[in-house]
Amino acid sequence: MSTAGLVSRRDCSHQLHVLAVDDSVVDRKFVERLLKISSCKVTAVESGIRALQFLGLDGEKKETAGFDGLKVNLIMTDYSMPGMNGFELLKKIKESSTLKEIPVVIMSSENILTRVDRCLEEGAEEFIVKPVKLSDVKRLKNILTKGDKGQNEEDPLLSLPLSSHDLASSSTSSSSPFKFLDHRSKRPRLQG
C-alpha cells in the first residue's frame, strides 16, 4: 500500500485526526483542548520540522515512526514559528503528491491581509485570527464532514450542546472582538 492510502480526508470508522502545529505551548494546548472537546483525535507538535517528520516529509529515506498507519484529516498550523513558518509548511504539504489533499488551516495573532492572501492563494483552506474559538473548530469539522456526506447534510454531533463545564474549560471568554477571514470571499467578518 502506498503512503497515499494512509492519508485521507475522512475515515468514517474513526474520529477526525488533526495535526496541530504551534511553537507556543499555551496556544498548542488551547487548540488541542478545543479539538478534543469537538471529538477530534489530536497530534500536537511544536514546529514545522516536527510536523514534516510526523507526516513523513522530512527528507529521510526511512519511514517516520509516528506516521505508521495514521490518517491525518486536517492540519492546523501557526503562521509565525521559528525555523519553518506556517506558510513554508503549507507549501511543503501542497507540493507533496501524497499529502496535498489534506486541508491546511493557518492560524495567526496578526491579521495582515497580504499574509492572508498569500496563504489562501497557496492552498490554505482557511486563515483564522487567534485566539481560535470552539465555533471555529466546529465549523472546520463541519466542512470536513460535509465533504463526505454532501453539502446539505449536517453532522448531528456538531449540533449537540456542550456542557457548561466543557465551555468553561475551553475558553475564558464567550465572545471575541477578533475577526475571522472567510476564505471564500477573502473579506473580514466579525465572529459571533
Protein backbone atom coordinates (compact mmCIF):
# COMPACT_ATOMS: atom_id res chain seq x y z
CA MET A 1 0.00 0.00 0.00
CA SER A 2 1.35 3.44 -0.87
CA THR A 3 1.60 6.37 1.53
CA ALA A 4 -1.33 7.97 -0.31
CA GLY A 5 -3.59 5.28 1.10
CA LEU A 6 -2.57 6.17 4.64
CA VAL A 7 -3.72 9.78 4.50
CA SER A 8 -7.31 10.64 3.68
CA ARG A 9 -9.83 13.43 4.15
CA ARG A 10 -12.09 11.22 6.27
CA ASP A 11 -12.06 7.77 7.78
CA CYS A 12 -15.69 7.05 8.58
CA SER A 13 -14.91 4.44 11.26
CA HIS A 14 -12.69 6.75 13.35
CA GLN A 15 -12.51 10.27 14.75
CA LEU A 16 -11.15 13.06 12.62
CA HIS A 17 -7.40 13.27 13.20
CA VAL A 18 -5.95 16.79 13.37
CA LEU A 19 -2.26 17.63 13.34
CA ALA A 20 -1.86 20.85 15.39
CA VAL A 21 1.39 22.77 14.90
CA ASP A 22 2.35 25.71 17.14
CA ASP A 23 5.59 26.74 18.84
CA SER A 24 3.69 28.32 21.74
CA VAL A 25 2.93 25.71 24.41
CA VAL A 26 -0.07 27.72 25.63
CA ASP A 27 -1.60 28.12 22.16
CA ARG A 28 -0.87 24.49 21.25
CA LYS A 29 -2.54 23.17 24.42
CA PHE A 30 -5.51 25.51 23.93
CA VAL A 31 -6.11 24.37 20.34
CA GLU A 32 -5.60 20.75 21.39
CA ARG A 33 -8.26 21.16 24.10
CA LEU A 34 -10.77 22.72 21.68
CA LEU A 35 -10.21 19.89 19.19
CA LYS A 36 -10.65 17.21 21.86
CA ILE A 37 -13.87 18.84 23.09
CA SER A 38 -15.04 18.56 19.47
CA SER A 39 -14.29 14.81 19.50
CA CYS A 40 -11.19 15.02 17.32
CA LYS A 41 -8.07 12.93 17.73
CA VAL A 42 -5.15 15.34 18.06
CA THR A 43 -1.43 15.08 17.45
CA ALA A 44 0.30 18.27 18.61
CA VAL A 45 3.84 19.21 17.59
CA GLU A 46 5.94 22.29 18.29
CA SER A 47 7.40 23.11 14.86
CA GLY A 48 7.03 22.82 11.12
CA ILE A 49 10.02 20.48 11.04
CA ARG A 50 8.37 18.14 13.57
CA ALA A 51 5.15 18.24 11.51
CA LEU A 52 7.07 17.21 8.39
CA GLN A 53 8.72 14.39 10.33
CA PHE A 54 5.33 13.18 11.55
CA LEU A 55 3.93 13.33 8.01
CA GLY A 56 6.93 11.50 6.55
CA LEU A 57 8.17 14.51 4.56
CA ASP A 58 11.38 15.10 6.48
CA GLY A 59 13.60 14.12 3.55
CA GLU A 60 14.96 10.97 5.18
CA LYS A 61 14.63 7.68 3.35
CA LYS A 62 13.42 5.74 6.40
CA GLU A 63 9.76 5.55 7.33
CA THR A 64 8.83 8.04 10.04
CA ALA A 65 7.81 6.08 13.14
CA GLY A 66 4.93 8.39 14.13
CA PHE A 67 3.32 8.12 10.71
CA ASP A 68 2.71 4.35 10.62
CA GLY A 69 -0.88 3.93 9.51
CA LEU A 70 -2.21 7.18 10.98
CA LYS A 71 -4.63 9.16 8.88
CA VAL A 72 -4.48 12.95 9.09
CA ASN A 73 -7.69 14.72 8.08
CA LEU A 74 -6.69 18.31 8.86
CA ILE A 75 -3.54 20.29 9.65
CA MET A 76 -3.83 23.44 11.78
CA THR A 77 -0.61 25.45 11.93
CA ASP A 78 0.53 28.71 13.43
CA TYR A 79 1.96 31.15 10.90
CA SER A 80 4.80 32.66 12.96
CA MET A 81 7.19 29.97 14.14
CA PRO A 82 10.99 29.85 14.29
CA GLY A 83 12.82 27.73 11.74
CA MET A 84 9.95 26.99 9.36
CA ASN A 85 6.88 29.21 9.44
CA GLY A 86 3.35 28.08 8.69
CA PHE A 87 3.47 29.35 5.11
CA GLU A 88 6.58 27.28 4.37
CA LEU A 89 4.94 24.23 5.95
CA LEU A 90 1.82 24.83 3.82
CA LYS A 91 3.95 24.96 0.66
CA LYS A 92 5.74 21.69 1.52
CA ILE A 93 2.42 19.93 2.13
CA LYS A 94 0.82 21.24 -1.06
CA GLU A 95 3.92 20.22 -3.08
CA SER A 96 3.59 16.62 -1.85
CA SER A 97 1.68 14.33 -4.18
CA THR A 98 0.59 12.19 -1.21
CA LEU A 99 -0.46 14.98 1.18
CA LYS A 100 -1.68 17.87 -0.98
CA GLU A 101 -5.35 16.94 -0.49
CA ILE A 102 -5.19 17.39 3.29
CA PRO A 103 -6.80 20.72 4.23
CA VAL A 104 -4.41 23.13 5.97
CA VAL A 105 -5.64 25.93 8.24
CA ILE A 106 -3.28 28.76 9.10
CA MET A 107 -3.65 30.49 12.49
CA SER A 108 -2.10 33.82 13.42
CA SER A 109 -2.46 36.54 16.02
CA GLU A 110 -1.72 39.07 13.29
CA ASN A 111 -4.40 39.99 10.76
CA ILE A 112 -2.14 41.03 7.86
CA LEU A 113 -4.10 41.00 4.59
CA THR A 114 -1.09 40.28 2.33
CA ARG A 115 -0.18 37.30 4.55
CA VAL A 116 -3.77 36.03 4.49
CA ASP A 117 -4.00 36.34 0.70
CA ARG A 118 -0.65 34.63 0.20
CA CYS A 119 -1.67 31.65 2.35
CA LEU A 120 -5.08 31.28 0.70
CA GLU A 121 -3.56 31.53 -2.78
CA GLU A 122 -1.05 28.80 -1.87
CA GLY A 123 -3.90 26.47 -0.94
CA ALA A 124 -4.78 27.07 2.72
CA GLU A 125 -8.34 26.01 3.48
CA GLU A 126 -8.83 28.89 5.91
CA PHE A 127 -6.94 31.58 7.81
CA ILE A 128 -8.06 32.07 11.40
CA VAL A 129 -7.07 35.02 13.57
CA LYS A 130 -6.19 33.88 17.09
CA PRO A 131 -7.47 33.18 19.58
CA VAL A 132 -9.07 30.15 17.99
CA LYS A 133 -12.57 29.58 19.32
CA LEU A 134 -14.70 26.50 19.74
CA SER A 135 -17.01 27.79 16.98
CA ASP A 136 -14.01 27.87 14.59
CA VAL A 137 -13.21 24.23 15.35
CA LYS A 138 -16.83 23.15 14.97
CA ARG A 139 -17.09 24.98 11.63
CA LEU A 140 -13.89 23.32 10.37
CA LYS A 141 -15.12 19.92 11.48
CA ASN A 142 -18.39 20.58 9.67
CA ILE A 143 -16.52 21.47 6.46
CA LEU A 144 -14.57 18.19 6.64
CA THR A 145 -17.58 16.01 7.35
CA LYS A 146 -19.71 17.66 4.67
CA GLY A 147 -17.06 16.71 2.12
CA ASP A 148 -18.13 13.10 2.62
CA LYS A 149 -21.85 13.45 3.24
CA GLY A 150 -22.92 16.06 0.73
CA GLN A 151 -23.32 19.79 1.05
CA ASN A 152 -26.82 19.82 2.52
CA GLU A 153 -26.42 17.28 5.31
CA GLU A 154 -25.33 18.39 8.76
CA ASP A 155 -23.35 16.28 11.20
CA PRO A 156 -25.67 15.65 14.18
CA LEU A 157 -22.67 15.66 16.55
CA LEU A 158 -21.98 19.29 15.68
CA SER A 159 -25.40 20.43 16.84
CA LEU A 160 -25.20 18.77 20.25
CA PRO A 161 -24.97 21.29 23.07
CA LEU A 162 -21.81 21.29 25.13
CA SER A 163 -21.93 21.23 28.89
CA SER A 164 -21.05 24.38 30.79
CA HIS A 165 -18.01 22.51 32.12
CA ASP A 166 -16.73 21.93 28.56
CA LEU A 167 -17.25 25.56 27.64
CA ALA A 168 -15.65 26.88 30.82
CA SER A 169 -12.57 24.72 30.37
CA SER A 170 -12.15 25.60 26.70
CA SER A 171 -12.40 29.37 26.72
CA THR A 172 -12.11 32.26 29.11
CA SER A 173 -14.46 34.47 27.12
CA SER A 174 -17.73 33.72 25.38
CA SER A 175 -17.39 36.42 22.75
CA SER A 176 -14.38 37.78 20.95
CA PRO A 177 -13.82 41.02 19.07
CA PHE A 178 -11.32 39.26 16.80
CA LYS A 179 -12.10 38.87 13.15
CA PHE A 180 -12.17 35.72 11.11
CA LEU A 181 -11.37 35.88 7.41
CA ASP A 182 -13.72 33.92 5.22
CA HIS A 183 -11.57 32.26 2.54
CA ARG A 184 -14.40 32.23 0.01
CA SER A 185 -14.86 35.98 -0.09
CA LYS A 186 -11.47 36.97 1.41
CA ARG A 187 -13.30 39.64 3.35
CA PRO A 188 -13.18 40.01 7.12
CA ARG A 189 -16.33 39.38 9.07
CA LEU A 190 -16.99 39.53 12.79
CA GLN A 191 -17.36 36.25 14.62
CA GLY A 192 -20.40 35.99 16.84
